[in-house]
PDB file of N, CA and C in Angstrom:
ATOM      1  N   MET A   1      96.072  59.606  98.226  1.00  0.00           N
ATOM      2  CA  MET A   1      97.174  60.533  98.406  1.00  0.00           C
ATOM      3  C   MET A   1      97.141  61.276  99.386  1.00  0.00           C
ATOM      4  N   SER A   2      96.024  62.159  99.785  1.00  0.00           N
ATOM      5  CA  SER A   2      95.934  62.993 100.955  1.00  0.00           C
ATOM      6  C   SER A   2      95.902  62.157 102.549  1.00  0.00           C
ATOM      7  N   ASN A   3      95.734  60.542 102.407  1.00  0.00           N
ATOM      8  CA  ASN A   3      95.927  60.379 104.263  1.00  0.00           C
ATOM      9  C   ASN A   3      96.915  59.946 104.495  1.00  0.00           C
ATOM     10  N   LEU A   4      98.049  60.446 103.344  1.00  0.00           N
ATOM     11  CA  LEU A   4      99.520  60.312 103.793  1.00  0.00           C
ATOM     12  C   LEU A   4     100.311  61.319 103.832  1.00  0.00           C
ATOM     13  N   LYS A   5      99.759  62.684 103.586  1.00  0.00           N
ATOM     14  CA  LYS A   5     100.219  63.998 103.997  1.00  0.00           C
ATOM     15  C   LYS A   5     100.015  64.294 105.472  1.00  0.00           C
ATOM     16  N   LEU A   6     100.854  64.864 105.821  1.00  0.00           N
ATOM     17  CA  LEU A   6     101.140  65.279 107.730  1.00  0.00           C
ATOM     18  C   LEU A   6     101.311  66.590 107.675  1.00  0.00           C
ATOM     19  N   SER A   7     100.853  68.035 108.228  1.00  0.00           N
ATOM     20  CA  SER A   7     101.347  69.294 108.494  1.00  0.00           C
ATOM     21  C   SER A   7     102.387  69.057 108.877  1.00  0.00           C
ATOM     22  N   CYS A   8     103.292  69.964 108.979  1.00  0.00           N
ATOM     23  CA  CYS A   8     104.235  70.589 109.485  1.00  0.00           C
ATOM     24  C   CYS A   8     104.676  70.084 111.444  1.00  0.00           C
ATOM     25  N   GLN A   9     103.593  70.412 111.137  1.00  0.00           N
ATOM     26  CA  GLN A   9     103.185  70.432 113.093  1.00  0.00           C
ATOM     27  C   GLN A   9     102.934  69.069 113.567  1.00  0.00           C
ATOM     28  N   GLU A  10     102.212  68.104 112.861  1.00  0.00           N
ATOM     29  CA  GLU A  10     101.785  66.891 112.861  1.00  0.00           C
ATOM     30  C   GLU A  10     102.996  66.181 112.749  1.00  0.00           C
ATOM     31  N   ALA A  11     104.028  66.216 111.423  1.00  0.00           N
ATOM     32  CA  ALA A  11     105.299  65.499 111.158  1.00  0.00           C
ATOM     33  C   ALA A  11     105.765  65.629 112.713  1.00  0.00           C
ATOM     34  N   ASN A  12     106.238  66.770 113.485  1.00  0.00           N
ATOM     35  CA  ASN A  12     107.183  67.009 114.434  1.00  0.00           C
ATOM     36  C   ASN A  12     106.509  66.013 115.858  1.00  0.00           C
ATOM     37  N   HIS A  13     105.064  66.057 115.830  1.00  0.00           N
ATOM     38  CA  HIS A  13     104.898  65.391 116.709  1.00  0.00           C
ATOM     39  C   HIS A  13     104.850  63.802 116.677  1.00  0.00           C
ATOM     40  N   VAL A  14     104.625  63.412 115.505  1.00  0.00           N
ATOM     41  CA  VAL A  14     105.255  62.003 114.869  1.00  0.00           C
ATOM     42  C   VAL A  14     106.025  61.763 115.314  1.00  0.00           C
ATOM     43  N   CYS A  15     107.598  62.902 114.417  1.00  0.00           N
ATOM     44  CA  CYS A  15     108.730  62.709 115.159  1.00  0.00           C
ATOM     45  C   CYS A  15     109.192  62.536 116.694  1.00  0.00           C
ATOM     46  N   ASP A  16     108.212  63.335 116.878  1.00  0.00           N
ATOM     47  CA  ASP A  16     108.618  62.744 118.609  1.00  0.00           C
ATOM     48  C   ASP A  16     108.391  61.372 119.485  1.00  0.00           C
ATOM     49  N   LYS A  17     107.144  61.254 119.091  1.00  0.00           N
ATOM     50  CA  LYS A  17     106.495  59.989 119.277  1.00  0.00           C
ATOM     51  C   LYS A  17     107.814  58.991 118.932  1.00  0.00           C
ATOM     52  N   ASN A  18     107.986  58.873 117.593  1.00  0.00           N
ATOM     53  CA  ASN A  18     108.799  57.498 117.144  1.00  0.00           C
ATOM     54  C   ASN A  18     110.275  58.266 118.100  1.00  0.00           C
ATOM     55  N   GLN A  19     110.732  59.113 118.520  1.00  0.00           N
ATOM     56  CA  GLN A  19     111.630  59.148 119.078  1.00  0.00           C
ATOM     57  C   GLN A  19     111.778  58.116 120.660  1.00  0.00           C
ATOM     58  N   TYR A  20     110.388  58.276 120.875  1.00  0.00           N
ATOM     59  CA  TYR A  20     110.255  57.442 122.082  1.00  0.00           C
ATOM     60  C   TYR A  20     109.745  55.880 121.903  1.00  0.00           C
ATOM     61  N   LYS A  21     109.782  55.646 120.587  1.00  0.00           N
ATOM     62  CA  LYS A  21     109.515  54.580 120.153  1.00  0.00           C
ATOM     63  C   LYS A  21     108.184  53.962 120.462  1.00  0.00           C
ATOM     64  N   GLU A  22     107.324  55.345 120.044  1.00  0.00           N
ATOM     65  CA  GLU A  22     105.581  54.917 119.997  1.00  0.00           C
ATOM     66  C   GLU A  22     104.863  55.427 118.904  1.00  0.00           C
ATOM     67  N   ALA A  23     105.400  55.326 117.641  1.00  0.00           N
ATOM     68  CA  ALA A  23     104.603  56.012 116.918  1.00  0.00           C
ATOM     69  C   ALA A  23     104.578  54.480 115.874  1.00  0.00           C
ATOM     70  N   SER A  24     103.160  54.521 115.296  1.00  0.00           N
ATOM     71  CA  SER A  24     102.771  53.086 114.484  1.00  0.00           C
ATOM     72  C   SER A  24     103.931  53.571 112.778  1.00  0.00           C
ATOM     73  N   PHE A  25     103.118  52.401 112.328  1.00  0.00           N
ATOM     74  CA  PHE A  25     104.122  52.176 111.409  1.00  0.00           C
ATOM     75  C   PHE A  25     103.406  53.088 110.107  1.00  0.00           C
ATOM     76  N   TRP A  26     102.080  53.699 110.501  1.00  0.00           N
ATOM     77  CA  TRP A  26     101.784  53.980 109.220  1.00  0.00           C
ATOM     78  C   TRP A  26     102.128  55.754 109.418  1.00  0.00           C
ATOM     79  N   GLU A  27     102.107  56.249 110.827  1.00  0.00           N
ATOM     80  CA  GLU A  27     102.757  57.016 111.570  1.00  0.00           C
ATOM     81  C   GLU A  27     104.433  57.313 110.625  1.00  0.00           C
ATOM     82  N   LYS A  28     104.913  56.536 110.987  1.00  0.00           N
ATOM     83  CA  LYS A  28     106.613  56.801 110.503  1.00  0.00           C
ATOM     84  C   LYS A  28     106.415  56.859 108.727  1.00  0.00           C
ATOM     85  N   VAL A  29     105.678  55.857 108.344  1.00  0.00           N
ATOM     86  CA  VAL A  29     105.710  56.110 106.608  1.00  0.00           C
ATOM     87  C   VAL A  29     104.957  57.292 106.667  1.00  0.00           C
ATOM     88  N   LYS A  30     104.123  57.879 107.146  1.00  0.00           N
ATOM     89  CA  LYS A  30     103.808  59.647 106.578  1.00  0.00           C
ATOM     90  C   LYS A  30     104.738  60.172 106.984  1.00  0.00           C
ATOM     91  N   LEU A  31     105.268  60.633 108.171  1.00  0.00           N
ATOM     92  CA  LEU A  31     107.034  60.763 108.290  1.00  0.00           C
ATOM     93  C   LEU A  31     107.627  61.002 107.080  1.00  0.00           C
ATOM     94  N   ASN A  32     107.970  59.892 107.079  1.00  0.00           N
ATOM     95  CA  ASN A  32     108.708  59.555 106.424  1.00  0.00           C
ATOM     96  C   ASN A  32     108.714  60.037 104.738  1.00  0.00           C
ATOM     97  N   ILE A  33     107.529  60.291 104.067  1.00  0.00           N
ATOM     98  CA  ILE A  33     106.977  60.795 103.109  1.00  0.00           C
ATOM     99  C   ILE A  33     107.251  62.248 102.769  1.00  0.00           C
ATOM    100  N   HIS A  34     106.693  63.339 104.740  1.00  0.00           N
ATOM    101  CA  HIS A  34     107.083  64.134 104.565  1.00  0.00           C
ATOM    102  C   HIS A  34     108.318  65.010 104.626  1.00  0.00           C
ATOM    103  N   LEU A  35     109.318  63.988 105.109  1.00  0.00           N
ATOM    104  CA  LEU A  35     110.481  64.461 105.432  1.00  0.00           C
ATOM    105  C   LEU A  35     111.237  64.274 104.081  1.00  0.00           C
ATOM    106  N   ILE A  36     110.732  63.805 102.997  1.00  0.00           N
ATOM    107  CA  ILE A  36     111.043  63.906 101.815  1.00  0.00           C
ATOM    108  C   ILE A  36     111.245  65.660 101.025  1.00  0.00           C
ATOM    109  N   TYR A  37     109.485  65.874 101.228  1.00  0.00           N
ATOM    110  CA  TYR A  37     109.639  67.072 100.301  1.00  0.00           C
ATOM    111  C   TYR A  37     110.082  68.839 102.053  1.00  0.00           C
ATOM    112  N   CYS A  38     110.254  68.058 102.559  1.00  0.00           N
ATOM    113  CA  CYS A  38     109.959  69.375 103.817  1.00  0.00           C
ATOM    114  C   CYS A  38     111.299  69.401 104.820  1.00  0.00           C
ATOM    115  N   LYS A  39     111.984  70.527 104.079  1.00  0.00           N
ATOM    116  CA  LYS A  39     113.665  70.251 104.672  1.00  0.00           C
ATOM    117  C   LYS A  39     113.581  71.013 106.112  1.00  0.00           C
ATOM    118  N   ALA A  40     112.639  71.756 106.727  1.00  0.00           N
ATOM    119  CA  ALA A  40     112.106  72.180 108.089  1.00  0.00           C
ATOM    120  C   ALA A  40     112.097  70.875 108.718  1.00  0.00           C
ATOM    121  N   CYS A  41     111.541  70.330 108.497  1.00  0.00           N
ATOM    122  CA  CYS A  41     111.165  69.130 109.283  1.00  0.00           C
ATOM    123  C   CYS A  41     112.487  68.195 109.146  1.00  0.00           C
ATOM    124  N   ARG A  42     112.931  67.703 108.291  1.00  0.00           N
ATOM    125  CA  ARG A  42     113.800  66.946 108.038  1.00  0.00           C
ATOM    126  C   ARG A  42     114.850  67.657 109.279  1.00  0.00           C
ATOM    127  N   LYS A  43     115.481  68.789 108.994  1.00  0.00           N
ATOM    128  CA  LYS A  43     116.207  69.622 110.111  1.00  0.00           C
ATOM    129  C   LYS A  43     116.357  68.812 111.357  1.00  0.00           C
ATOM    130  N   TYR A  44     114.648  69.354 111.993  1.00  0.00           N
ATOM    131  CA  TYR A  44     113.886  69.474 113.318  1.00  0.00           C
ATOM    132  C   TYR A  44     114.497  67.799 113.436  1.00  0.00           C
ATOM    133  N   SER A  45     114.020  66.915 112.586  1.00  0.00           N
ATOM    134  CA  SER A  45     113.869  65.188 112.438  1.00  0.00           C
ATOM    135  C   SER A  45     115.738  65.132 112.650  1.00  0.00           C
ATOM    136  N   MET A  46     116.457  65.210 112.209  1.00  0.00           N
ATOM    137  CA  MET A  46     118.047  65.142 112.210  1.00  0.00           C
ATOM    138  C   MET A  46     118.577  65.899 113.845  1.00  0.00           C
ATOM    139  N   ARG A  47     118.197  66.602 113.822  1.00  0.00           N
ATOM    140  CA  ARG A  47     118.025  67.616 115.711  1.00  0.00           C
ATOM    141  C   ARG A  47     117.467  66.715 116.937  1.00  0.00           C
ATOM    142  N   ASN A  48     116.576  66.359 116.058  1.00  0.00           N
ATOM    143  CA  ASN A  48     115.732  65.910 117.431  1.00  0.00           C
ATOM    144  C   ASN A  48     116.427  63.836 117.897  1.00  0.00           C
ATOM    145  N   GLY A  49     116.972  63.771 116.824  1.00  0.00           N
ATOM    146  CA  GLY A  49     118.124  62.214 117.138  1.00  0.00           C
ATOM    147  C   GLY A  49     119.308  62.727 117.322  1.00  0.00           C
ATOM    148  N   LYS A  50     119.865  63.504 117.089  1.00  0.00           N
ATOM    149  CA  LYS A  50     121.284  63.878 117.850  1.00  0.00           C
ATOM    150  C   LYS A  50     120.795  64.272 119.219  1.00  0.00           C
ATOM    151  N   LEU A  51     119.966  64.759 119.769  1.00  0.00           N
ATOM    152  CA  LEU A  51     119.304  65.008 121.214  1.00  0.00           C
ATOM    153  C   LEU A  51     119.237  63.640 121.687  1.00  0.00           C
ATOM    154  N   SER A  52     118.398  62.776 121.379  1.00  0.00           N
ATOM    155  CA  SER A  52     117.867  61.580 122.082  1.00  0.00           C
ATOM    156  C   SER A  52     119.677  60.774 122.104  1.00  0.00           C
ATOM    157  N   LYS A  53     120.321  60.794 121.256  1.00  0.00           N
ATOM    158  CA  LYS A  53     121.263  59.587 121.239  1.00  0.00           C
ATOM    159  C   LYS A  53     122.144  60.494 121.997  1.00  0.00           C
ATOM    160  N   VAL A  54     122.543  61.845 122.099  1.00  0.00           N
ATOM    161  CA  VAL A  54     123.072  63.127 123.354  1.00  0.00           C
ATOM    162  C   VAL A  54     122.575  62.318 124.928  1.00  0.00           C
ATOM    163  N   ILE A  55     121.085  62.316 124.928  1.00  0.00           N
ATOM    164  CA  ILE A  55     121.417  61.829 126.021  1.00  0.00           C
ATOM    165  C   ILE A  55     121.228  60.840 126.533  1.00  0.00           C
ATOM    166  N   GLN A  56     121.110  59.569 125.949  1.00  0.00           N
ATOM    167  CA  GLN A  56     120.435  58.245 126.200  1.00  0.00           C
ATOM    168  C   GLN A  56     122.056  57.793 126.794  1.00  0.00           C
ATOM    169  N   SER A  57     123.386  58.696 125.705  1.00  0.00           N
ATOM    170  CA  SER A  57     124.316  58.340 126.144  1.00  0.00           C
ATOM    171  C   SER A  57     125.092  59.069 127.148  1.00  0.00           C
ATOM    172  N   SER A  58     124.507  60.382 127.901  1.00  0.00           N
ATOM    173  CA  SER A  58     125.280  60.770 128.849  1.00  0.00           C
ATOM    174  C   SER A  58     125.184  59.315 130.414  1.00  0.00           C
ATOM    175  N   LYS A  59     126.128  60.128 130.920  1.00  0.00           N
ATOM    176  CA  LYS A  59     125.915  59.499 132.600  1.00  0.00           C
ATOM    177  C   LYS A  59     125.300  60.262 133.408  1.00  0.00           C
ATOM    178  N   VAL A  60     124.425  60.720 133.498  1.00  0.00           N
ATOM    179  CA  VAL A  60     123.857  61.880 134.032  1.00  0.00           C
ATOM    180  C   VAL A  60     123.206  61.544 135.554  1.00  0.00           C
ATOM    181  N   GLU A  61     123.454  62.124 136.982  1.00  0.00           N
ATOM    182  CA  GLU A  61     123.456  61.010 138.219  1.00  0.00           C
ATOM    183  C   GLU A  61     122.488  62.156 138.427  1.00  0.00           C
ATOM    184  N   VAL A  62     121.336  61.824 138.773  1.00  0.00           N
ATOM    185  CA  VAL A  62     120.027  63.052 139.724  1.00  0.00           C
ATOM    186  C   VAL A  62     119.977  62.396 140.936  1.00  0.00           C
ATOM    187  N   LEU A  63     119.984  63.666 142.130  1.00  0.00           N
ATOM    188  CA  LEU A  63     119.816  63.177 143.300  1.00  0.00           C
ATOM    189  C   LEU A  63     118.277  62.473 143.439  1.00  0.00           C
ATOM    190  N   ASP A  64     118.148  61.817 144.601  1.00  0.00           N
ATOM    191  CA  ASP A  64     116.696  61.271 144.955  1.00  0.00           C
ATOM    192  C   ASP A  64     116.214  62.542 145.370  1.00  0.00           C
ATOM    193  N   THR A  65     114.754  62.193 145.722  1.00  0.00           N
ATOM    194  CA  THR A  65     113.871  63.318 146.320  1.00  0.00           C
ATOM    195  C   THR A  65     113.952  63.838 147.862  1.00  0.00           C
ATOM    196  N   THR A  66     114.752  62.737 148.831  1.00  0.00           N
ATOM    197  CA  THR A  66     115.047  62.374 150.186  1.00  0.00           C
ATOM    198  C   THR A  66     116.175  63.267 150.325  1.00  0.00           C
ATOM    199  N   ALA A  67     117.175  63.605 149.084  1.00  0.00           N
ATOM    200  CA  ALA A  67     118.118  64.241 149.338  1.00  0.00           C
ATOM    201  C   ALA A  67     118.007  65.682 148.649  1.00  0.00           C
ATOM    202  N   LYS A  68     116.965  65.907 147.901  1.00  0.00           N
ATOM    203  CA  LYS A  68     116.584  67.269 147.391  1.00  0.00           C
ATOM    204  C   LYS A  68     115.912  68.196 148.204  1.00  0.00           C
ATOM    205  N   ASP A  69     115.322  67.341 149.413  1.00  0.00           N
ATOM    206  CA  ASP A  69     114.497  67.756 150.512  1.00  0.00           C
ATOM    207  C   ASP A  69     115.518  68.146 151.224  1.00  0.00           C
ATOM    208  N   LYS A  70     116.284  67.372 151.607  1.00  0.00           N
ATOM    209  CA  LYS A  70     117.436  67.726 152.877  1.00  0.00           C
ATOM    210  C   LYS A  70     118.208  69.207 152.105  1.00  0.00           C
ATOM    211  N   MET A  71     118.899  69.105 150.990  1.00  0.00           N
ATOM    212  CA  MET A  71     118.987  70.227 150.592  1.00  0.00           C
ATOM    213  C   MET A  71     118.521  71.385 150.613  1.00  0.00           C
ATOM    214  N   LYS A  72     117.641  71.450 150.497  1.00  0.00           N
ATOM    215  CA  LYS A  72     116.194  72.488 150.260  1.00  0.00           C
ATOM    216  C   LYS A  72     116.004  73.030 151.367  1.00  0.00           C
ATOM    217  N   THR A  73     116.085  71.885 152.801  1.00  0.00           N
ATOM    218  CA  THR A  73     115.927  72.615 154.082  1.00  0.00           C
ATOM    219  C   THR A  73     117.326  73.144 154.594  1.00  0.00           C
ATOM    220  N   ALA A  74     118.221  72.659 153.841  1.00  0.00           N
ATOM    221  CA  ALA A  74     119.620  73.318 154.826  1.00  0.00           C
ATOM    222  C   ALA A  74     119.630  74.537 153.738  1.00  0.00           C
ATOM    223  N   PHE A  75     118.825  74.679 152.671  1.00  0.00           N
ATOM    224  CA  PHE A  75     119.378  76.042 152.053  1.00  0.00           C
ATOM    225  C   PHE A  75     118.501  77.132 152.727  1.00  0.00           C
ATOM    226  N   GLU A  76     117.627  76.981 152.996  1.00  0.00           N
ATOM    227  CA  GLU A  76     116.418  77.705 153.418  1.00  0.00           C
ATOM    228  C   GLU A  76     116.771  77.779 155.253  1.00  0.00           C
ATOM    229  N   LYS A  77     117.434  76.995 155.814  1.00  0.00           N
ATOM    230  CA  LYS A  77     117.845  77.178 156.894  1.00  0.00           C
ATOM    231  C   LYS A  77     119.368  78.538 156.989  1.00  0.00           C
ATOM    232  N   GLU A  78     119.570  78.251 155.923  1.00  0.00           N
ATOM    233  CA  GLU A  78     121.071  79.514 155.783  1.00  0.00           C
ATOM    234  C   GLU A  78     120.417  80.718 155.578  1.00  0.00           C
ATOM    235  N   LEU A  79     119.652  80.501 154.497  1.00  0.00           N
ATOM    236  CA  LEU A  79     119.135  81.700 153.853  1.00  0.00           C
ATOM    237  C   LEU A  79     118.101  82.892 155.291  1.00  0.00           C
ATOM    238  N   ALA A  80     117.960  81.787 155.725  1.00  0.00           N
ATOM    239  CA  ALA A  80     117.327  82.468 156.831  1.00  0.00           C
ATOM    240  C   ALA A  80     118.109  83.362 157.735  1.00  0.00           C
ATOM    241  N   LYS A  81     119.143  82.614 158.242  1.00  0.00           N
ATOM    242  CA  LYS A  81     120.017  83.392 158.734  1.00  0.00           C
ATOM    243  C   LYS A  81     120.546  84.495 158.322  1.00  0.00           C
ATOM    244  N   HIS A  82     120.253  84.755 157.156  1.00  0.00           N
ATOM    245  CA  HIS A  82     121.077  85.973 156.391  1.00  0.00           C
ATOM    246  C   HIS A  82     120.219  87.117 156.364  1.00  0.00           C
ATOM    247  N   GLN A  83     119.098  86.760 156.712  1.00  0.00           N
ATOM    248  CA  GLN A  83     117.948  87.526 156.277  1.00  0.00           C
ATOM    249  C   GLN A  83     117.660  88.803 157.754  1.00  0.00           C
TER     250      GLN A  83
END
């Protein structure tokens, strides 16, 4: 039975791995057993799941590195003018 026990820290790590589909079958089993008796980790797991869903459903667009570099250069030029 001790093989099936996880500490809260281990459970949170497995929860994070599970979020990215990297947890093994046995890690998932151990996590679910831990979640049965640990309210704090259940709460962490639920919040982690909600966060994952929000991030996956978001339509966030990011700048590519070229655009970021151009913006940084322009900002530094303008900043130098005012110093």
